[in-house]
Amino acid sequence: MNLLYDELEDALGYRFRDRALLVRATNRLAAAKEDGCGDGSAMDGLATLGDAVIDVVVLEHLIAGGMESKGELSVTKMNMVNMTVLRRLAESIELHRYVTWGKGESGQEIWRSGRVLAECMEAVCGAAYLDGGTTAVQRVLAHLGFFP
């Protein structure tokens, strides 16, 4: 199992100091419940955090690049950060291979849904934030080719 996380860290371009965060970020709620674990061992909260942190990192990037207009910032961020883009990032590293899915999810190959893989990517970014702050999230996104 550790080799699998090593491989995922290589794909992300980031080494977690607290690997438990990465484990949690790749554990679906259905799998956690099947294992008798609570919601705290699943990715859901990290996905919500990751959603917010990705927005912050993108806005920092745009402002550092000289963009100042509120309207332009909003539109550009909206075009850069969406489920389709996050799904593509997840697909580029085959993130579904590293996620612990519930039995029903696995049987239905639920990761083929754009929303699900995008949420997994958000969870990984939320975990990276807790592990290393916005710098860690920026590093992951840059490594995955998110920024032009």
Protein backbone atom coordinates (compact mmCIF):
# COMPACT_ATOMS: atom_id res chain seq x y z
CA MET A 1 0.00 0.00 0.00
CA ASN A 2 2.85 2.40 0.77
CA LEU A 3 4.22 1.91 -2.74
CA LEU A 4 0.85 2.96 -4.11
CA TYR A 5 0.98 6.21 -2.13
CA ASP A 6 4.60 6.75 -3.21
CA GLU A 7 3.41 6.43 -6.80
CA LEU A 8 0.56 8.89 -6.21
CA GLU A 9 2.92 11.39 -4.59
CA ASP A 10 5.21 11.09 -7.61
CA ALA A 11 2.24 11.75 -9.90
CA LEU A 12 1.25 14.78 -7.80
CA GLY A 13 4.78 16.15 -7.58
CA TYR A 14 4.40 16.52 -3.82
CA ARG A 15 5.55 14.45 -0.82
CA PHE A 16 3.21 14.53 2.16
CA ARG A 17 4.75 15.00 5.59
CA ASP A 18 1.56 13.56 7.07
CA ARG A 19 0.62 10.69 4.80
CA ALA A 20 -2.56 10.07 6.81
CA LEU A 21 -3.97 13.15 5.06
CA LEU A 22 -3.36 11.58 1.66
CA VAL A 23 -4.91 8.31 2.84
CA ARG A 24 -7.99 10.19 4.02
CA ALA A 25 -8.16 12.17 0.78
CA THR A 26 -8.34 8.95 -1.20
CA ASN A 27 -10.94 7.22 0.98
CA ARG A 28 -14.53 7.51 -0.19
CA LEU A 29 -17.30 7.81 2.41
CA ALA A 30 -18.94 4.60 1.16
CA ALA A 31 -15.69 2.68 1.71
CA ALA A 32 -15.20 4.23 5.15
CA LYS A 33 -18.71 3.19 6.20
CA GLU A 34 -18.21 -0.32 4.84
CA ASP A 35 -15.04 -0.55 6.94
CA GLY A 36 -16.95 0.62 10.02
CA CYS A 37 -15.09 3.92 10.17
CA GLY A 38 -16.68 7.29 10.75
CA ASP A 39 -17.07 10.18 8.36
CA GLY A 40 -13.77 11.61 9.66
CA SER A 41 -11.81 8.96 7.79
CA ALA A 42 -13.36 9.88 4.43
CA MET A 43 -12.53 12.51 1.84
CA ASP A 44 -15.71 14.62 2.00
CA GLY A 45 -14.48 17.39 4.30
CA LEU A 46 -11.16 17.57 2.46
CA ALA A 47 -13.00 17.94 -0.85
CA THR A 48 -14.92 20.95 0.49
CA LEU A 49 -11.68 22.48 1.77
CA GLY A 50 -9.90 21.70 -1.49
CA ASP A 51 -12.61 23.42 -3.50
CA ALA A 52 -12.03 26.64 -1.54
CA VAL A 53 -8.24 26.37 -1.54
CA ILE A 54 -8.03 25.82 -5.29
CA ASP A 55 -9.99 29.06 -5.74
CA VAL A 56 -7.55 30.90 -3.45
CA VAL A 57 -4.48 29.52 -5.21
CA VAL A 58 -5.86 30.41 -8.63
CA LEU A 59 -6.77 33.94 -7.51
CA GLU A 60 -3.27 34.40 -6.03
CA HIS A 61 -1.81 33.26 -9.35
CA LEU A 62 -3.97 35.62 -11.38
CA ILE A 63 -3.30 38.63 -9.14
CA ALA A 64 0.45 37.90 -9.10
CA GLY A 65 0.22 37.89 -12.91
CA GLY A 66 -1.16 41.42 -12.86
CA MET A 67 -4.89 40.84 -13.11
CA GLU A 68 -6.74 43.37 -10.96
CA SER A 69 -10.32 43.75 -12.21
CA LYS A 70 -12.83 41.98 -9.97
CA GLY A 71 -14.96 41.04 -12.97
CA GLU A 72 -12.00 39.72 -14.93
CA LEU A 73 -10.72 37.79 -11.91
CA SER A 74 -14.12 36.20 -11.35
CA VAL A 75 -14.65 35.18 -14.97
CA THR A 76 -11.11 33.89 -15.43
CA LYS A 77 -11.24 31.88 -12.20
CA MET A 78 -14.60 30.44 -13.18
CA ASN A 79 -13.18 29.36 -16.54
CA MET A 80 -10.06 27.87 -14.96
CA VAL A 81 -11.69 26.07 -12.03
CA ASN A 82 -14.59 23.83 -12.91
CA MET A 83 -15.54 20.18 -12.73
CA THR A 84 -14.35 19.46 -16.26
CA VAL A 85 -10.88 20.86 -15.62
CA LEU A 86 -10.55 19.11 -12.26
CA ARG A 87 -11.73 15.83 -13.76
CA ARG A 88 -9.09 16.12 -16.50
CA LEU A 89 -6.40 16.68 -13.89
CA ALA A 90 -7.58 13.58 -12.01
CA GLU A 91 -7.68 11.55 -15.22
CA SER A 92 -4.19 12.69 -16.19
CA ILE A 93 -2.76 10.86 -13.17
CA GLU A 94 -5.36 8.07 -13.17
CA LEU A 95 -6.45 9.18 -9.70
CA HIS A 96 -9.24 6.59 -9.64
CA ARG A 97 -6.56 3.88 -9.25
CA TYR A 98 -5.52 5.31 -5.87
CA VAL A 99 -8.97 5.87 -4.39
CA THR A 100 -10.58 3.38 -2.01
CA TRP A 101 -14.08 2.96 -3.39
CA GLY A 102 -17.12 1.43 -1.76
CA LYS A 103 -18.19 -1.92 -3.18
CA GLY A 104 -21.18 -0.45 -4.99
CA GLU A 105 -19.10 2.44 -6.33
CA SER A 106 -16.45 0.06 -7.58
CA GLY A 107 -19.00 -2.21 -9.24
CA GLN A 108 -20.59 0.74 -11.02
CA GLU A 109 -17.24 2.36 -11.83
CA ILE A 110 -18.64 5.56 -10.38
CA TRP A 111 -15.38 7.40 -11.14
CA ARG A 112 -16.56 7.65 -14.73
CA SER A 113 -18.81 10.47 -13.50
CA GLY A 114 -17.08 13.82 -13.94
CA ARG A 115 -18.26 15.12 -10.61
CA VAL A 116 -16.86 12.22 -8.63
CA LEU A 117 -13.31 12.42 -9.99
CA ALA A 118 -13.35 16.20 -9.65
CA GLU A 119 -14.29 15.82 -5.97
CA CYS A 120 -11.43 13.36 -5.52
CA MET A 121 -9.03 15.94 -6.97
CA GLU A 122 -10.43 18.57 -4.62
CA ALA A 123 -9.89 16.23 -1.67
CA VAL A 124 -6.26 15.68 -2.62
CA CYS A 125 -5.78 19.45 -2.84
CA GLY A 126 -7.46 19.89 0.55
CA ALA A 127 -5.08 17.34 2.04
CA ALA A 128 -2.09 19.06 0.42
CA TYR A 129 -3.23 22.35 1.92
CA LEU A 130 -3.44 20.92 5.43
CA ASP A 131 -0.04 19.33 4.93
CA GLY A 132 1.85 22.23 3.38
CA GLY A 133 -0.36 25.27 2.92
CA THR A 134 -1.16 27.08 -0.30
CA THR A 135 2.40 26.48 -1.54
CA ALA A 136 1.77 22.73 -1.55
CA VAL A 137 -1.47 23.13 -3.52
CA GLN A 138 0.22 25.47 -5.99
CA ARG A 139 3.01 22.91 -6.43
CA VAL A 140 0.53 20.09 -7.13
CA LEU A 141 -1.49 22.14 -9.60
CA ALA A 142 1.63 23.40 -11.38
CA HIS A 143 3.06 19.89 -11.59
CA LEU A 144 -0.18 18.67 -13.18
CA GLY A 145 -0.02 21.44 -15.78
CA PHE A 146 -2.97 23.39 -14.42
CA PHE A 147 -1.41 26.81 -14.93
CA PRO A 148 -0.75 27.96 -18.51
